[in-house]
N, C-alpha and C. Protein backbone atom coordinates (compact mmCIF):
# COMPACT_ATOMS: atom_id res chain seq x y z
N MET A 1 -14.20 -11.08 -23.95
CA MET A 1 -12.85 -10.45 -23.77
C MET A 1 -12.98 -9.35 -22.55
N GLN A 2 -14.22 -8.87 -22.65
CA GLN A 2 -14.60 -7.87 -21.15
C GLN A 2 -14.48 -8.71 -20.19
N VAL A 3 -14.37 -10.33 -20.15
CA VAL A 3 -14.11 -10.75 -18.69
C VAL A 3 -13.12 -10.94 -18.20
N LEU A 4 -12.13 -10.99 -19.22
CA LEU A 4 -10.80 -10.80 -19.22
C LEU A 4 -10.38 -9.48 -18.74
N TRP A 5 -10.91 -8.39 -18.86
CA TRP A 5 -10.57 -6.97 -18.48
C TRP A 5 -11.21 -6.72 -17.24
N SER A 6 -12.39 -7.02 -16.78
CA SER A 6 -13.31 -6.82 -15.62
C SER A 6 -12.27 -7.94 -14.51
N SER A 7 -12.03 -9.00 -14.93
CA SER A 7 -11.07 -9.84 -14.26
C SER A 7 -9.77 -9.01 -13.59
N LEU A 8 -8.87 -8.50 -14.41
CA LEU A 8 -7.71 -7.97 -13.98
C LEU A 8 -8.26 -6.57 -13.21
N TYR A 9 -9.23 -5.75 -13.50
CA TYR A 9 -9.39 -5.05 -12.85
C TYR A 9 -9.72 -5.34 -11.17
N ASP A 10 -10.43 -6.42 -11.20
CA ASP A 10 -10.49 -6.77 -9.86
C ASP A 10 -9.60 -7.22 -8.99
N ILE A 11 -8.89 -7.94 -9.58
CA ILE A 11 -7.63 -8.58 -9.18
C ILE A 11 -6.66 -7.27 -8.67
N VAL A 12 -6.43 -6.13 -9.54
CA VAL A 12 -5.66 -4.94 -9.48
C VAL A 12 -5.97 -4.52 -8.03
N SER A 13 -7.27 -4.25 -8.48
CA SER A 13 -7.98 -3.50 -6.92
C SER A 13 -7.92 -4.23 -5.67
N LEU A 14 -8.24 -5.66 -5.81
CA LEU A 14 -7.79 -5.97 -4.43
C LEU A 14 -6.47 -6.38 -4.23
N VAL A 15 -5.00 -6.29 -4.96
CA VAL A 15 -3.83 -6.28 -4.48
C VAL A 15 -3.64 -4.97 -4.00
N PHE A 16 -4.29 -4.20 -4.30
CA PHE A 16 -4.38 -2.68 -3.58
C PHE A 16 -4.77 -2.44 -2.47
N GLN A 17 -5.88 -2.94 -2.10
CA GLN A 17 -6.77 -3.11 -1.11
C GLN A 17 -5.96 -3.32 -0.17
N VAL A 18 -5.65 -4.77 -0.33
CA VAL A 18 -5.10 -5.53 0.84
C VAL A 18 -3.78 -4.81 1.17
N TYR A 19 -2.85 -4.45 0.33
CA TYR A 19 -1.80 -3.93 0.59
C TYR A 19 -2.03 -2.71 1.56
N ILE A 20 -2.84 -1.98 1.19
CA ILE A 20 -3.41 -0.52 1.97
C ILE A 20 -3.56 -1.16 3.39
N PHE A 21 -4.63 -2.12 3.39
CA PHE A 21 -4.82 -2.85 5.10
C PHE A 21 -3.55 -3.10 5.81
N ILE A 22 -2.83 -3.90 4.92
CA ILE A 22 -1.70 -4.33 5.38
C ILE A 22 -0.65 -2.85 6.25
N VAL A 23 -0.71 -1.69 5.45
CA VAL A 23 -0.05 -0.35 5.72
C VAL A 23 -0.65 -0.08 6.87
N ILE A 24 -1.67 -0.07 7.15
CA ILE A 24 -2.86 0.76 8.06
C ILE A 24 -2.36 -0.44 9.36
N ALA A 25 -2.38 -1.54 9.29
CA ALA A 25 -2.12 -2.54 10.16
C ALA A 25 -0.78 -2.27 11.01
N ARG A 26 0.15 -2.03 9.98
CA ARG A 26 1.59 -1.83 10.33
C ARG A 26 1.78 -0.42 11.10
N ALA A 27 0.86 0.51 10.69
CA ALA A 27 0.86 1.77 11.64
C ALA A 27 0.43 1.72 12.88
N LEU A 28 -0.79 1.03 12.66
CA LEU A 28 -1.48 0.46 14.32
C LEU A 28 -0.54 -0.10 15.29
N ILE A 29 0.30 -1.19 14.73
CA ILE A 29 0.82 -1.83 15.49
C ILE A 29 2.24 -0.95 15.92
N SER A 30 2.64 0.27 15.45
CA SER A 30 3.60 0.57 15.96
C SER A 30 3.59 1.67 16.96
N TRP A 31 2.23 1.49 17.26
CA TRP A 31 1.86 2.60 18.38
C TRP A 31 1.69 1.67 19.84
N VAL A 32 1.89 0.62 19.67
CA VAL A 32 2.25 -0.30 20.90
C VAL A 32 3.35 -0.78 20.61
N ASN A 33 4.03 -1.65 21.82
CA ASN A 33 5.40 -2.10 21.74
C ASN A 33 5.48 -3.40 21.29
N PRO A 34 5.04 -3.90 20.07
CA PRO A 34 4.75 -5.05 19.66
C PRO A 34 6.26 -6.33 19.72
N ASP A 35 5.95 -7.28 19.75
CA ASP A 35 6.68 -8.33 20.19
C ASP A 35 7.44 -8.65 18.75
N PRO A 36 8.70 -8.45 18.66
CA PRO A 36 9.44 -8.25 17.22
C PRO A 36 9.31 -9.89 16.73
N TYR A 37 9.51 -10.95 17.56
CA TYR A 37 9.64 -12.34 17.13
C TYR A 37 7.81 -12.89 16.97
N ASN A 38 6.88 -12.36 16.68
CA ASN A 38 5.56 -12.77 16.53
C ASN A 38 5.62 -12.38 15.22
N PRO A 39 5.07 -13.58 14.62
CA PRO A 39 5.10 -13.99 12.98
C PRO A 39 4.26 -12.90 12.23
N ILE A 40 3.03 -12.46 12.93
CA ILE A 40 2.17 -11.62 12.36
C ILE A 40 3.09 -10.06 12.08
N VAL A 41 3.70 -9.67 13.42
CA VAL A 41 4.62 -8.42 13.13
C VAL A 41 5.51 -8.64 12.27
N ARG A 42 6.08 -9.94 12.21
CA ARG A 42 7.27 -9.84 11.22
C ARG A 42 6.92 -9.72 9.75
N PHE A 43 5.78 -10.46 9.61
CA PHE A 43 5.03 -10.36 8.28
C PHE A 43 4.98 -8.93 8.02
N LEU A 44 4.25 -8.01 8.69
CA LEU A 44 4.05 -6.61 8.64
C LEU A 44 4.85 -5.91 8.12
N TYR A 45 6.01 -6.21 8.91
CA TYR A 45 7.42 -5.15 8.82
C TYR A 45 7.88 -5.60 7.58
N SER A 46 8.06 -6.93 7.36
CA SER A 46 8.89 -7.24 6.30
C SER A 46 7.98 -6.89 4.46
N ALA A 47 6.85 -7.05 5.06
CA ALA A 47 5.98 -6.45 4.08
C ALA A 47 5.84 -5.06 3.40
N THR A 48 6.23 -4.03 4.56
CA THR A 48 6.04 -2.89 4.70
C THR A 48 7.43 -2.27 4.61
N GLU A 49 8.11 -2.66 4.96
CA GLU A 49 9.65 -1.82 5.20
C GLU A 49 10.35 -1.40 4.09
N PRO A 50 10.27 -2.25 2.94
CA PRO A 50 10.94 -1.57 1.74
C PRO A 50 10.52 -0.83 1.12
N VAL A 51 9.48 -0.41 1.31
CA VAL A 51 8.53 0.57 0.71
C VAL A 51 8.78 2.09 1.63
N LEU A 52 8.15 1.95 2.63
CA LEU A 52 8.60 2.61 3.68
C LEU A 52 9.94 3.18 3.98
N ALA A 53 10.93 2.53 3.76
CA ALA A 53 12.25 3.09 3.81
C ALA A 53 12.70 3.62 2.66
N LEU A 54 12.23 3.52 1.57
CA LEU A 54 12.49 4.08 0.60
C LEU A 54 11.86 5.57 0.61
N MET A 55 10.64 5.40 0.92
CA MET A 55 9.72 6.80 1.14
C MET A 55 10.56 7.74 2.12
N LYS A 56 11.09 7.03 3.49
CA LYS A 56 11.93 7.76 4.12
C LYS A 56 13.28 8.50 3.70
N ARG A 57 13.76 7.65 2.80
CA ARG A 57 15.08 8.06 2.14
C ARG A 57 14.68 9.21 1.48
N TYR A 58 13.53 9.47 0.59
CA TYR A 58 13.26 10.61 -0.21
C TYR A 58 12.61 11.87 0.07
N LEU A 59 11.98 11.00 1.35
CA LEU A 59 11.07 12.15 1.93
C LEU A 59 10.97 11.93 3.10
N PRO A 60 11.68 12.97 3.97
CA PRO A 60 11.75 12.80 5.40
C PRO A 60 10.57 13.53 6.16
N LEU A 61 9.33 12.23 6.40
CA LEU A 61 8.18 12.91 6.87
C LEU A 61 8.19 12.81 8.44
N GLN A 62 9.26 12.74 9.14
CA GLN A 62 9.14 12.71 10.76
C GLN A 62 9.13 13.94 11.70
N PHE A 63 8.28 14.39 12.12
CA PHE A 63 7.93 15.41 12.76
C PHE A 63 7.85 15.39 14.17
N SER A 64 8.62 15.79 15.23
CA SER A 64 8.46 15.54 16.50
C SER A 64 7.98 14.00 16.96
N GLY A 65 8.90 13.37 16.11
CA GLY A 65 9.08 11.67 16.54
C GLY A 65 7.69 10.95 16.12
N ILE A 66 6.90 11.75 15.34
CA ILE A 66 5.92 11.12 14.74
C ILE A 66 5.83 10.43 13.00
N ASP A 67 6.09 9.26 12.63
CA ASP A 67 6.39 9.09 11.34
C ASP A 67 5.26 9.32 10.52
N LEU A 68 5.27 10.06 9.65
CA LEU A 68 4.06 10.25 8.81
C LEU A 68 4.09 9.53 7.21
N SER A 69 5.34 8.68 6.99
CA SER A 69 5.21 8.00 5.60
C SER A 69 4.26 6.90 5.80
N PRO A 70 3.73 6.69 6.50
CA PRO A 70 2.64 5.40 5.94
C PRO A 70 1.69 6.26 5.74
N ILE A 71 1.40 7.40 5.98
CA ILE A 71 -0.15 8.30 5.55
C ILE A 71 0.49 8.54 4.09
N ALA A 72 1.53 8.87 3.88
CA ALA A 72 2.35 9.18 2.26
C ALA A 72 2.19 8.19 1.38
N LEU A 73 2.23 7.04 2.29
CA LEU A 73 2.26 5.74 1.26
C LEU A 73 0.80 5.37 1.25
N LEU A 74 -0.20 5.57 1.84
CA LEU A 74 -1.39 5.30 1.97
C LEU A 74 -2.01 6.47 0.75
N PHE A 75 -1.55 7.67 0.49
CA PHE A 75 -2.10 8.22 -0.63
C PHE A 75 -1.36 7.87 -2.07
N ALA A 76 0.08 7.66 -2.04
CA ALA A 76 0.67 7.39 -3.05
C ALA A 76 0.06 6.00 -3.79
N LEU A 77 -0.50 4.90 -2.58
CA LEU A 77 -0.97 3.66 -3.17
C LEU A 77 -2.32 4.14 -4.01
N THR A 78 -3.06 4.96 -3.01
CA THR A 78 -4.39 5.31 -3.68
C THR A 78 -4.52 6.08 -5.34
N ILE A 79 -3.48 6.56 -5.39
CA ILE A 79 -3.28 7.46 -6.38
C ILE A 79 -2.66 6.24 -7.46
N VAL A 80 -1.75 5.76 -7.28
CA VAL A 80 -1.32 4.81 -8.33
C VAL A 80 -2.44 3.49 -8.68
N GLU A 81 -3.74 3.33 -7.39
CA GLU A 81 -4.37 2.31 -7.59
C GLU A 81 -5.21 3.04 -8.98
N LYS A 82 -5.60 4.24 -8.37
CA LYS A 82 -6.83 4.75 -9.57
C LYS A 82 -6.19 4.97 -11.08
N ILE A 83 -4.89 5.31 -11.16
CA ILE A 83 -4.36 5.54 -12.24
C ILE A 83 -4.26 4.11 -13.12
N LEU A 84 -4.00 3.21 -12.43
CA LEU A 84 -3.76 1.82 -12.93
C LEU A 84 -5.34 1.16 -13.47
N LEU A 85 -6.14 1.39 -12.57
CA LEU A 85 -7.79 0.96 -13.02
C LEU A 85 -8.47 1.96 -13.94
N ASN A 86 -7.77 3.17 -14.16
CA ASN A 86 -8.36 3.74 -15.09
C ASN A 86 -7.54 3.39 -16.33
N ILE A 87 -6.41 2.89 -16.59
CA ILE A 87 -5.68 2.61 -17.60
C ILE A 87 -6.39 1.36 -17.93
N ILE A 88 -6.80 0.54 -17.30
CA ILE A 88 -7.47 -0.99 -17.21
C ILE A 88 -8.90 -0.74 -18.15
N VAL A 89 -9.62 0.40 -17.43
CA VAL A 89 -10.77 0.80 -18.01
C VAL A 89 -10.97 0.98 -19.77
N GLN A 90 -9.52 1.97 -19.60
CA GLN A 90 -9.46 2.41 -20.93
C GLN A 90 -9.14 1.43 -22.08
N PHE A 91 -8.30 0.53 -21.66
CA PHE A 91 -8.11 -0.30 -22.63
C PHE A 91 -9.33 -1.41 -22.95
N SER A 92 -10.12 -1.63 -22.31
CA SER A 92 -11.11 -2.27 -22.19
C SER A 92 -11.99 -1.75 -23.20
N ARG A 93 -12.41 -0.66 -23.15
CA ARG A 93 -13.23 -0.06 -23.86
C ARG A 93 -12.35 0.08 -25.42
N GLY A 94 -11.22 0.27 -25.64
CA GLY A 94 -10.44 0.01 -27.16
C GLY A 94 -9.98 1.52 -27.17
N PHE A 95 -9.26 2.02 -26.13
CA PHE A 95 -8.97 3.65 -26.66
C PHE A 95 -10.40 4.28 -26.52
């Protein structure tokens, strides 16, 4: 049973880390003028835009033309990841 919890822990951690890298790549790509028809750029935008648009609607984090919503998303992802991983550890120990 411990292998199952360990595998779940690893999978959740990997999913969050991959998404964090996608958000970072999106933020870095926004500094240049990317080709909107490039498949990589389209993937980055389609993977992050729904979450970033939701954050922008409730937390207007744009100051002097600089959009800080990716930074807020990275903080939120890190917090949610830590909470979920802690819950998995607690379940694996049997509370």
